[in-house]
Each structure stands twice: as structure tokens, then as C-alpha cells.
Amino acid sequence: VSNLRRYFGTGQLREAAPFTGSRFEHLAGGGGRQA
């Protein structure tokens, strides 16, 4: 749980930036869009 929070940048005491890989699936709306 701690590792996931750190990876996605949630629940951090400071405004920590999430790891860039946390955007993989949702970048530009994600690759599952019909278009």
C-alpha cells in the first residue's frame, strides 16, 4: 500500500511527484478509446 501510494503520488505528506509510469495507462485518455 505504501509503495503504491508513493508510485501514484497519493497520500504524501509533501506534494511528491508520482512516478512517470503511473501515467502509462491513462496518458492522452488511454489507448482503449474506439478512435
PDB file of all heavy atoms in Angstrom:
ATOM      1  N   VAL A   1       0.837  -1.198   0.000  1.00  0.00           N
ATOM      2  CA  VAL A   1       0.000   0.000   0.000  1.00  0.00           C
ATOM      3  C   VAL A   1       0.873   1.249   0.000  1.00  0.00           C
ATOM      4  O   VAL A   1       0.642   2.189  -0.765  1.00  0.00           O
ATOM      5  CB  VAL A   1      -0.965  -0.009   1.211  1.00  0.00           C
ATOM      6  CG1 VAL A   1      -1.683   1.324   1.347  1.00  0.00           C
ATOM      7  CG2 VAL A   1      -1.965  -1.152   1.077  1.00  0.00           C
ATOM      8  N   SER A   2       1.891   1.257   0.826  1.00  0.00           N
ATOM      9  CA  SER A   2       2.818   2.386   0.880  1.00  0.00           C
ATOM     10  C   SER A   2       3.512   2.590  -0.464  1.00  0.00           C
ATOM     11  O   SER A   2       3.641   3.721  -0.951  1.00  0.00           O
ATOM     12  CB  SER A   2       3.848   2.139   1.983  1.00  0.00           C
ATOM     13  OG  SER A   2       4.838   3.124   1.960  1.00  0.00           O
ATOM     14  N   ASN A   3       3.955   1.509  -1.074  1.00  0.00           N
ATOM     15  CA  ASN A   3       4.633   1.598  -2.377  1.00  0.00           C
ATOM     16  C   ASN A   3       3.704   2.141  -3.455  1.00  0.00           C
ATOM     17  O   ASN A   3       4.110   2.956  -4.283  1.00  0.00           O
ATOM     18  CB  ASN A   3       5.182   0.240  -2.789  1.00  0.00           C
ATOM     19  CG  ASN A   3       6.384  -0.174  -1.971  1.00  0.00           C
ATOM     20  OD1 ASN A   3       7.010   0.627  -1.296  1.00  0.00           O
ATOM     21  ND2 ASN A   3       6.705  -1.461  -2.026  1.00  0.00           N
ATOM     22  N   LEU A   4       2.469   1.693  -3.459  1.00  0.00           N
ATOM     23  CA  LEU A   4       1.511   2.179  -4.457  1.00  0.00           C
ATOM     24  C   LEU A   4       1.206   3.659  -4.258  1.00  0.00           C
ATOM     25  O   LEU A   4       1.116   4.412  -5.232  1.00  0.00           O
ATOM     26  CB  LEU A   4       0.222   1.360  -4.407  1.00  0.00           C
ATOM     27  CG  LEU A   4       0.303  -0.012  -5.048  1.00  0.00           C
ATOM     28  CD1 LEU A   4      -0.941  -0.833  -4.727  1.00  0.00           C
ATOM     29  CD2 LEU A   4       0.485   0.102  -6.551  1.00  0.00           C
ATOM     30  N   ARG A   5       1.042   4.073  -3.015  1.00  0.00           N
ATOM     31  CA  ARG A   5       0.792   5.498  -2.752  1.00  0.00           C
ATOM     32  C   ARG A   5       1.966   6.341  -3.235  1.00  0.00           C
ATOM     33  O   ARG A   5       1.781   7.401  -3.830  1.00  0.00           O
ATOM     34  CB  ARG A   5       0.540   5.719  -1.270  1.00  0.00           C
ATOM     35  CG  ARG A   5      -0.827   5.261  -0.856  1.00  0.00           C
ATOM     36  CD  ARG A   5      -1.127   5.635   0.573  1.00  0.00           C
ATOM     37  NE  ARG A   5      -2.511   5.281   0.863  1.00  0.00           N
ATOM     38  CZ  ARG A   5      -2.918   4.843   2.024  1.00  0.00           C
ATOM     39  NH1 ARG A   5      -2.075   4.734   3.043  1.00  0.00           N
ATOM     40  NH2 ARG A   5      -4.185   4.539   2.211  1.00  0.00           N
ATOM     41  N   ARG A   6       3.159   5.868  -2.984  1.00  0.00           N
ATOM     42  CA  ARG A   6       4.352   6.593  -3.440  1.00  0.00           C
ATOM     43  C   ARG A   6       4.407   6.615  -4.972  1.00  0.00           C
ATOM     44  O   ARG A   6       4.682   7.646  -5.577  1.00  0.00           O
ATOM     45  CB  ARG A   6       5.601   5.919  -2.874  1.00  0.00           C
ATOM     46  CG  ARG A   6       6.868   6.646  -3.211  1.00  0.00           C
ATOM     47  CD  ARG A   6       8.057   6.064  -2.428  1.00  0.00           C
ATOM     48  NE  ARG A   6       9.266   6.474  -3.077  1.00  0.00           N
ATOM     49  CZ  ARG A   6      10.167   5.659  -3.580  1.00  0.00           C
ATOM     50  NH1 ARG A   6      10.017   4.363  -3.485  1.00  0.00           N
ATOM     51  NH2 ARG A   6      11.239   6.123  -4.174  1.00  0.00           N
ATOM     52  N   TYR A   7       4.131   5.478  -5.612  1.00  0.00           N
ATOM     53  CA  TYR A   7       4.197   5.376  -7.070  1.00  0.00           C
ATOM     54  C   TYR A   7       3.220   6.340  -7.739  1.00  0.00           C
ATOM     55  O   TYR A   7       3.549   7.029  -8.690  1.00  0.00           O
ATOM     56  CB  TYR A   7       3.902   3.930  -7.498  1.00  0.00           C
ATOM     57  CG  TYR A   7       4.084   3.688  -8.975  1.00  0.00           C
ATOM     58  CD1 TYR A   7       5.355   3.478  -9.502  1.00  0.00           C
ATOM     59  CD2 TYR A   7       3.007   3.660  -9.839  1.00  0.00           C
ATOM     60  CE1 TYR A   7       5.537   3.256 -10.856  1.00  0.00           C
ATOM     61  CE2 TYR A   7       3.171   3.440 -11.187  1.00  0.00           C
ATOM     62  CZ  TYR A   7       4.446   3.237 -11.686  1.00  0.00           C
ATOM     63  OH  TYR A   7       4.616   3.025 -13.025  1.00  0.00           O
ATOM     64  N   PHE A   8       1.980   6.372  -7.210  1.00  0.00           N
ATOM     65  CA  PHE A   8       0.957   7.221  -7.809  1.00  0.00           C
ATOM     66  C   PHE A   8       0.910   8.626  -7.218  1.00  0.00           C
ATOM     67  O   PHE A   8       0.143   9.469  -7.661  1.00  0.00           O
ATOM     68  CB  PHE A   8      -0.417   6.552  -7.711  1.00  0.00           C
ATOM     69  CG  PHE A   8      -0.552   5.386  -8.644  1.00  0.00           C
ATOM     70  CD1 PHE A   8      -0.426   4.088  -8.180  1.00  0.00           C
ATOM     71  CD2 PHE A   8      -0.767   5.580  -9.994  1.00  0.00           C
ATOM     72  CE1 PHE A   8      -0.541   3.011  -9.041  1.00  0.00           C
ATOM     73  CE2 PHE A   8      -0.883   4.516 -10.867  1.00  0.00           C
ATOM     74  CZ  PHE A   8      -0.763   3.229 -10.394  1.00  0.00           C
ATOM     75  N   GLY A   9       1.729   8.906  -6.204  1.00  0.00           N
ATOM     76  CA  GLY A   9       1.806  10.238  -5.630  1.00  0.00           C
ATOM     77  C   GLY A   9       0.592  10.613  -4.796  1.00  0.00           C
ATOM     78  O   GLY A   9       0.244  11.787  -4.708  1.00  0.00           O
ATOM     79  N   THR A  10      -0.053   9.644  -4.177  1.00  0.00           N
ATOM     80  CA  THR A  10      -1.231   9.933  -3.360  1.00  0.00           C
ATOM     81  C   THR A  10      -0.906   9.753  -1.883  1.00  0.00           C
ATOM     82  O   THR A  10      -0.090   8.925  -1.505  1.00  0.00           O
ATOM     83  CB  THR A  10      -2.411   9.013  -3.719  1.00  0.00           C
ATOM     84  OG1 THR A  10      -2.025   7.658  -3.491  1.00  0.00           O
ATOM     85  CG2 THR A  10      -2.822   9.183  -5.166  1.00  0.00           C
ATOM     86  N   GLY A  11      -1.570  10.551  -1.055  1.00  0.00           N
ATOM     87  CA  GLY A  11      -1.404  10.428   0.384  1.00  0.00           C
ATOM     88  C   GLY A  11      -0.024  10.793   0.878  1.00  0.00           C
ATOM     89  O   GLY A  11       0.378  10.361   1.953  1.00  0.00           O
ATOM     90  N   GLN A  12       0.716  11.588   0.109  1.00  0.00           N
ATOM     91  CA  GLN A  12       2.053  12.003   0.509  1.00  0.00           C
ATOM     92  C   GLN A  12       1.955  13.216   1.428  1.00  0.00           C
ATOM     93  O   GLN A  12       1.078  14.057   1.260  1.00  0.00           O
ATOM     94  CB  GLN A  12       2.896  12.366  -0.718  1.00  0.00           C
ATOM     95  CG  GLN A  12       3.035  11.247  -1.723  1.00  0.00           C
ATOM     96  CD  GLN A  12       3.888  10.113  -1.207  1.00  0.00           C
ATOM     97  OE1 GLN A  12       4.864  10.334  -0.508  1.00  0.00           O
ATOM     98  NE2 GLN A  12       3.506   8.904  -1.522  1.00  0.00           N
ATOM     99  N   LEU A  13       2.854  13.307   2.399  1.00  0.00           N
ATOM    100  CA  LEU A  13       2.878  14.463   3.282  1.00  0.00           C
ATOM    101  C   LEU A  13       3.239  15.723   2.506  1.00  0.00           C
ATOM    102  O   LEU A  13       2.698  16.782   2.728  1.00  0.00           O
ATOM    103  CB  LEU A  13       3.871  14.246   4.428  1.00  0.00           C
ATOM    104  CG  LEU A  13       3.504  13.134   5.401  1.00  0.00           C
ATOM    105  CD1 LEU A  13       4.604  12.956   6.444  1.00  0.00           C
ATOM    106  CD2 LEU A  13       2.179  13.450   6.078  1.00  0.00           C
ATOM    107  N   ARG A  14       4.174  15.613   1.606  1.00  0.00           N
ATOM    108  CA  ARG A  14       4.557  16.728   0.745  1.00  0.00           C
ATOM    109  C   ARG A  14       3.960  16.484  -0.623  1.00  0.00           C
ATOM    110  O   ARG A  14       3.512  15.393  -0.943  1.00  0.00           O
ATOM    111  CB  ARG A  14       6.075  16.799   0.630  1.00  0.00           C
ATOM    112  CG  ARG A  14       6.735  17.091   1.938  1.00  0.00           C
ATOM    113  CD  ARG A  14       8.228  17.237   1.728  1.00  0.00           C
ATOM    114  NE  ARG A  14       8.880  17.016   2.990  1.00  0.00           N
ATOM    115  CZ  ARG A  14      10.001  16.358   3.149  1.00  0.00           C
ATOM    116  NH1 ARG A  14      10.616  15.854   2.122  1.00  0.00           N
ATOM    117  NH2 ARG A  14      10.515  16.200   4.340  1.00  0.00           N
ATOM    118  N   GLU A  15       3.990  17.480  -1.432  1.00  0.00           N
ATOM    119  CA  GLU A  15       3.498  17.342  -2.799  1.00  0.00           C
ATOM    120  C   GLU A  15       4.531  16.601  -3.637  1.00  0.00           C
ATOM    121  O   GLU A  15       5.231  17.180  -4.458  1.00  0.00           O
ATOM    122  CB  GLU A  15       3.199  18.726  -3.406  1.00  0.00           C
ATOM    123  CG  GLU A  15       2.002  19.409  -2.793  1.00  0.00           C
ATOM    124  CD  GLU A  15       0.711  18.623  -3.028  1.00  0.00           C
ATOM    125  OE1 GLU A  15       0.519  18.094  -4.127  1.00  0.00           O
ATOM    126  OE2 GLU A  15      -0.083  18.544  -2.082  1.00  0.00           O
ATOM    127  N   ALA A  16       4.627  15.316  -3.422  1.00  0.00           N
ATOM    128  CA  ALA A  16       5.598  14.500  -4.150  1.00  0.00           C
ATOM    129  C   ALA A  16       5.045  14.179  -5.540  1.00  0.00           C
ATOM    130  O   ALA A  16       3.868  13.867  -5.694  1.00  0.00           O
ATOM    131  CB  ALA A  16       5.870  13.208  -3.390  1.00  0.00           C
ATOM    132  N   ALA A  17       5.907  14.264  -6.506  1.00  0.00           N
ATOM    133  CA  ALA A  17       5.500  13.923  -7.865  1.00  0.00           C
ATOM    134  C   ALA A  17       5.412  12.407  -7.987  1.00  0.00           C
ATOM    135  O   ALA A  17       6.290  11.688  -7.514  1.00  0.00           O
ATOM    136  CB  ALA A  17       6.510  14.470  -8.867  1.00  0.00           C
ATOM    137  N   PRO A  18       4.362  11.916  -8.625  1.00  0.00           N
ATOM    138  CA  PRO A  18       4.269  10.468  -8.822  1.00  0.00           C
ATOM    139  C   PRO A  18       5.316  10.009  -9.835  1.00  0.00           C
ATOM    140  O   PRO A  18       5.860  10.808 -10.592  1.00  0.00           O
ATOM    141  CB  PRO A  18       2.863  10.284  -9.376  1.00  0.00           C
ATOM    142  CG  PRO A  18       2.506  11.597  -9.980  1.00  0.00           C
ATOM    143  CD  PRO A  18       3.250  12.638  -9.201  1.00  0.00           C
ATOM    144  N   PHE A  19       5.587   8.722  -9.844  1.00  0.00           N
ATOM    145  CA  PHE A  19       6.477   8.167 -10.856  1.00  0.00           C
ATOM    146  C   PHE A  19       5.811   8.331 -12.218  1.00  0.00           C
ATOM    147  O   PHE A  19       4.590   8.236 -12.342  1.00  0.00           O
ATOM    148  CB  PHE A  19       6.747   6.689 -10.580  1.00  0.00           C
ATOM    149  CG  PHE A  19       7.706   6.462  -9.446  1.00  0.00           C
ATOM    150  CD1 PHE A  19       7.259   6.468  -8.130  1.00  0.00           C
ATOM    151  CD2 PHE A  19       9.055   6.248  -9.687  1.00  0.00           C
ATOM    152  CE1 PHE A  19       8.139   6.264  -7.079  1.00  0.00           C
ATOM    153  CE2 PHE A  19       9.937   6.048  -8.645  1.00  0.00           C
ATOM    154  CZ  PHE A  19       9.484   6.052  -7.340  1.00  0.00           C
ATOM    155  N   THR A  20       6.606   8.553 -13.244  1.00  0.00           N
ATOM    156  CA  THR A  20       6.026   8.787 -14.571  1.00  0.00           C
ATOM    157  C   THR A  20       5.233   7.587 -15.071  1.00  0.00           C
ATOM    158  O   THR A  20       4.260   7.746 -15.791  1.00  0.00           O
ATOM    159  CB  THR A  20       7.114   9.150 -15.601  1.00  0.00           C
ATOM    160  OG1 THR A  20       8.080   8.098 -15.662  1.00  0.00           O
ATOM    161  CG2 THR A  20       7.776  10.465 -15.253  1.00  0.00           C
ATOM    162  N   GLY A  21       5.625   6.393 -14.683  1.00  0.00           N
ATOM    163  CA  GLY A  21       4.903   5.194 -15.115  1.00  0.00           C
ATOM    164  C   GLY A  21       3.464   5.151 -14.645  1.00  0.00           C
ATOM    165  O   GLY A  21       2.636   4.439 -15.214  1.00  0.00           O
ATOM    166  N   SER A  22       3.145   5.939 -13.636  1.00  0.00           N
ATOM    167  CA  SER A  22       1.769   5.964 -13.150  1.00  0.00           C
ATOM    168  C   SER A  22       0.818   6.566 -14.184  1.00  0.00           C
ATOM    169  O   SER A  22      -0.392   6.419 -14.084  1.00  0.00           O
ATOM    170  CB  SER A  22       1.671   6.752 -11.838  1.00  0.00           C
ATOM    171  OG  SER A  22       1.923   8.126 -12.047  1.00  0.00           O
ATOM    172  N   ARG A  23       1.346   7.231 -15.201  1.00  0.00           N
ATOM    173  CA  ARG A  23       0.533   7.831 -16.262  1.00  0.00           C
ATOM    174  C   ARG A  23       0.420   6.937 -17.494  1.00  0.00           C
ATOM    175  O   ARG A  23      -0.315   7.256 -18.421  1.00  0.00           O
ATOM    176  CB  ARG A  23       1.145   9.176 -16.667  1.00  0.00           C
ATOM    177  CG  ARG A  23       1.145  10.204 -15.558  1.00  0.00           C
ATOM    178  CD  ARG A  23      -0.241  10.743 -15.240  1.00  0.00           C
ATOM    179  NE  ARG A  23      -0.774  11.358 -16.437  1.00  0.00           N
ATOM    180  CZ  ARG A  23      -2.027  11.188 -16.849  1.00  0.00           C
ATOM    181  NH1 ARG A  23      -2.869  10.469 -16.183  1.00  0.00           N
ATOM    182  NH2 ARG A  23      -2.427  11.775 -17.964  1.00  0.00           N
ATOM    183  N   PHE A  24       1.152   5.839 -17.514  1.00  0.00           N
ATOM    184  CA  PHE A  24       1.203   4.976 -18.700  1.00  0.00           C
ATOM    185  C   PHE A  24      -0.171   4.643 -19.259  1.00  0.00           C
ATOM    186  O   PHE A  24      -0.455   4.848 -20.430  1.00  0.00           O
ATOM    187  CB  PHE A  24       1.960   3.680 -18.363  1.00  0.00           C
ATOM    188  CG  PHE A  24       1.812   2.606 -19.407  1.00  0.00           C
ATOM    189  CD1 PHE A  24       2.501   2.685 -20.595  1.00  0.00           C
ATOM    190  CD2 PHE A  24       0.978   1.523 -19.196  1.00  0.00           C
ATOM    191  CE1 PHE A  24       2.375   1.714 -21.575  1.00  0.00           C
ATOM    192  CE2 PHE A  24       0.836   0.544 -20.161  1.00  0.00           C
ATOM    193  CZ  PHE A  24       1.542   0.639 -21.352  1.00  0.00           C
ATOM    194  N   GLU A  25      -1.022   4.139 -18.434  1.00  0.00           N
ATOM    195  CA  GLU A  25      -2.317   3.623 -18.881  1.00  0.00           C
ATOM    196  C   GLU A  25      -3.314   4.706 -19.272  1.00  0.00           C
ATOM    197  O   GLU A  25      -4.213   4.472 -20.066  1.00  0.00           O
ATOM    198  CB  GLU A  25      -2.908   2.773 -17.754  1.00  0.00           C
ATOM    199  CG  GLU A  25      -4.037   1.897 -18.170  1.00  0.00           C
ATOM    200  CD  GLU A  25      -4.467   0.981 -17.042  1.00  0.00           C
ATOM    201  OE1 GLU A  25      -3.840   0.958 -15.967  1.00  0.00           O
ATOM    202  OE2 GLU A  25      -5.462   0.289 -17.245  1.00  0.00           O
ATOM    203  N   HIS A  26      -3.156   5.903 -18.739  1.00  0.00           N
ATOM    204  CA  HIS A  26      -4.168   6.938 -18.936  1.00  0.00           C
ATOM    205  C   HIS A  26      -3.690   8.138 -19.741  1.00  0.00           C
ATOM    206  O   HIS A  26      -4.456   9.075 -19.944  1.00  0.00           O
ATOM    207  CB  HIS A  26      -4.690   7.405 -17.576  1.00  0.00           C
ATOM    208  CG  HIS A  26      -5.255   6.280 -16.770  1.00  0.00           C
ATOM    209  ND1 HIS A  26      -6.448   5.674 -17.074  1.00  0.00           N
ATOM    210  CD2 HIS A  26      -4.765   5.621 -15.701  1.00  0.00           C
ATOM    211  CE1 HIS A  26      -6.676   4.698 -16.215  1.00  0.00           C
ATOM    212  NE2 HIS A  26      -5.662   4.644 -15.367  1.00  0.00           N
ATOM    213  N   LEU A  27      -2.453   8.104 -20.192  1.00  0.00           N
ATOM    214  CA  LEU A  27      -1.913   9.220 -20.952  1.00  0.00           C
ATOM    215  C   LEU A  27      -2.794   9.505 -22.167  1.00  0.00           C
ATOM    216  O   LEU A  27      -3.174   8.582 -22.894  1.00  0.00           O
ATOM    217  CB  LEU A  27      -0.481   8.916 -21.403  1.00  0.00           C
ATOM    218  CG  LEU A  27       0.228  10.054 -22.122  1.00  0.00           C
ATOM    219  CD1 LEU A  27       0.592  11.159 -21.134  1.00  0.00           C
ATOM    220  CD2 LEU A  27       1.474   9.553 -22.807  1.00  0.00           C
ATOM    221  N   ALA A  28      -3.137  10.750 -22.369  1.00  0.00           N
ATOM    222  CA  ALA A  28      -3.945  11.197 -23.516  1.00  0.00           C
ATOM    223  C   ALA A  28      -5.277  10.454 -23.614  1.00  0.00           C
ATOM    224  O   ALA A  28      -5.783  10.221 -24.699  1.00  0.00           O
ATOM    225  CB  ALA A  28      -3.155  11.060 -24.816  1.00  0.00           C
ATOM    226  N   GLY A  29      -5.811  10.055 -22.479  1.00  0.00           N
ATOM    227  CA  GLY A  29      -7.116   9.382 -22.478  1.00  0.00           C
ATOM    228  C   GLY A  29      -7.035   7.874 -22.565  1.00  0.00           C
ATOM    229  O   GLY A  29      -8.051   7.191 -22.537  1.00  0.00           O
ATOM    230  N   GLY A  30      -5.854   7.316 -22.691  1.00  0.00           N
ATOM    231  CA  GLY A  30      -5.686   5.865 -22.749  1.00  0.00           C
ATOM    232  C   GLY A  30      -5.854   5.315 -24.157  1.00  0.00           C
ATOM    233  O   GLY A  30      -6.450   5.938 -25.025  1.00  0.00           O
ATOM    234  N   GLY A  31      -5.310   4.142 -24.359  1.00  0.00           N
ATOM    235  CA  GLY A  31      -5.336   3.535 -25.687  1.00  0.00           C
ATOM    236  C   GLY A  31      -6.558   2.696 -25.977  1.00  0.00           C
ATOM    237  O   GLY A  31      -6.693   2.150 -27.068  1.00  0.00           O
ATOM    238  N   GLY A  32      -7.471   2.584 -25.023  1.00  0.00           N
ATOM    239  CA  GLY A  32      -8.659   1.769 -25.235  1.00  0.00           C
ATOM    240  C   GLY A  32      -9.815   2.497 -25.901  1.00  0.00           C
ATOM    241  O   GLY A  32     -10.866   1.923 -26.125  1.00  0.00           O
ATOM    242  N   ARG A  33      -9.609   3.763 -26.227  1.00  0.00           N
ATOM    243  CA  ARG A  33     -10.679   4.519 -26.884  1.00  0.00           C
ATOM    244  C   ARG A  33     -10.923   3.980 -28.285  1.00  0.00           C
ATOM    245  O   ARG A  33     -10.001   3.586 -28.991  1.00  0.00           O
ATOM    246  CB  ARG A  33     -10.308   6.007 -26.938  1.00  0.00           C
ATOM    247  CG  ARG A  33     -10.112   6.622 -25.566  1.00  0.00           C
ATOM    248  CD  ARG A  33      -9.736   8.112 -25.618  1.00  0.00           C
ATOM    249  NE  ARG A  33      -8.915   8.540 -26.733  1.00  0.00           N
ATOM    250  CZ  ARG A  33      -7.592   8.491 -26.761  1.00  0.00           C
ATOM    251  NH1 ARG A  33      -6.913   7.997 -25.739  1.00  0.00           N
ATOM    252  NH2 ARG A  33      -6.916   8.927 -27.803  1.00  0.00           N
ATOM    253  N   GLN A  34     -12.164   3.974 -28.700  1.00  0.00           N
ATOM    254  CA  GLN A  34     -12.556   3.434 -30.009  1.00  0.00           C
ATOM    255  C   GLN A  34     -11.741   4.047 -31.149  1.00  0.00           C
ATOM    256  O   GLN A  34     -11.327   3.344 -32.056  1.00  0.00           O
ATOM    257  CB  GLN A  34     -14.053   3.676 -30.235  1.00  0.00           C
ATOM    258  CG  GLN A  34     -14.597   3.030 -31.483  1.00  0.00           C
ATOM    259  CD  GLN A  34     -14.632   1.508 -31.404  1.00  0.00           C
ATOM    260  OE1 GLN A  34     -14.769   0.943 -30.331  1.00  0.00           O
ATOM    261  NE2 GLN A  34     -14.495   0.861 -32.531  1.00  0.00           N
ATOM    262  N   ALA A  35     -11.493   5.347 -31.082  1.00  0.00           N
ATOM    263  CA  ALA A  35     -10.803   6.042 -32.172  1.00  0.00           C
ATOM    264  C   ALA A  35      -9.362   5.576 -32.362  1.00  0.00           C
ATOM    265  O   ALA A  35      -8.810   5.719 -33.452  1.00  0.00           O
ATOM    266  CB  ALA A  35     -10.832   7.548 -31.935  1.00  0.00           C
TER     267      ALA A  35
END
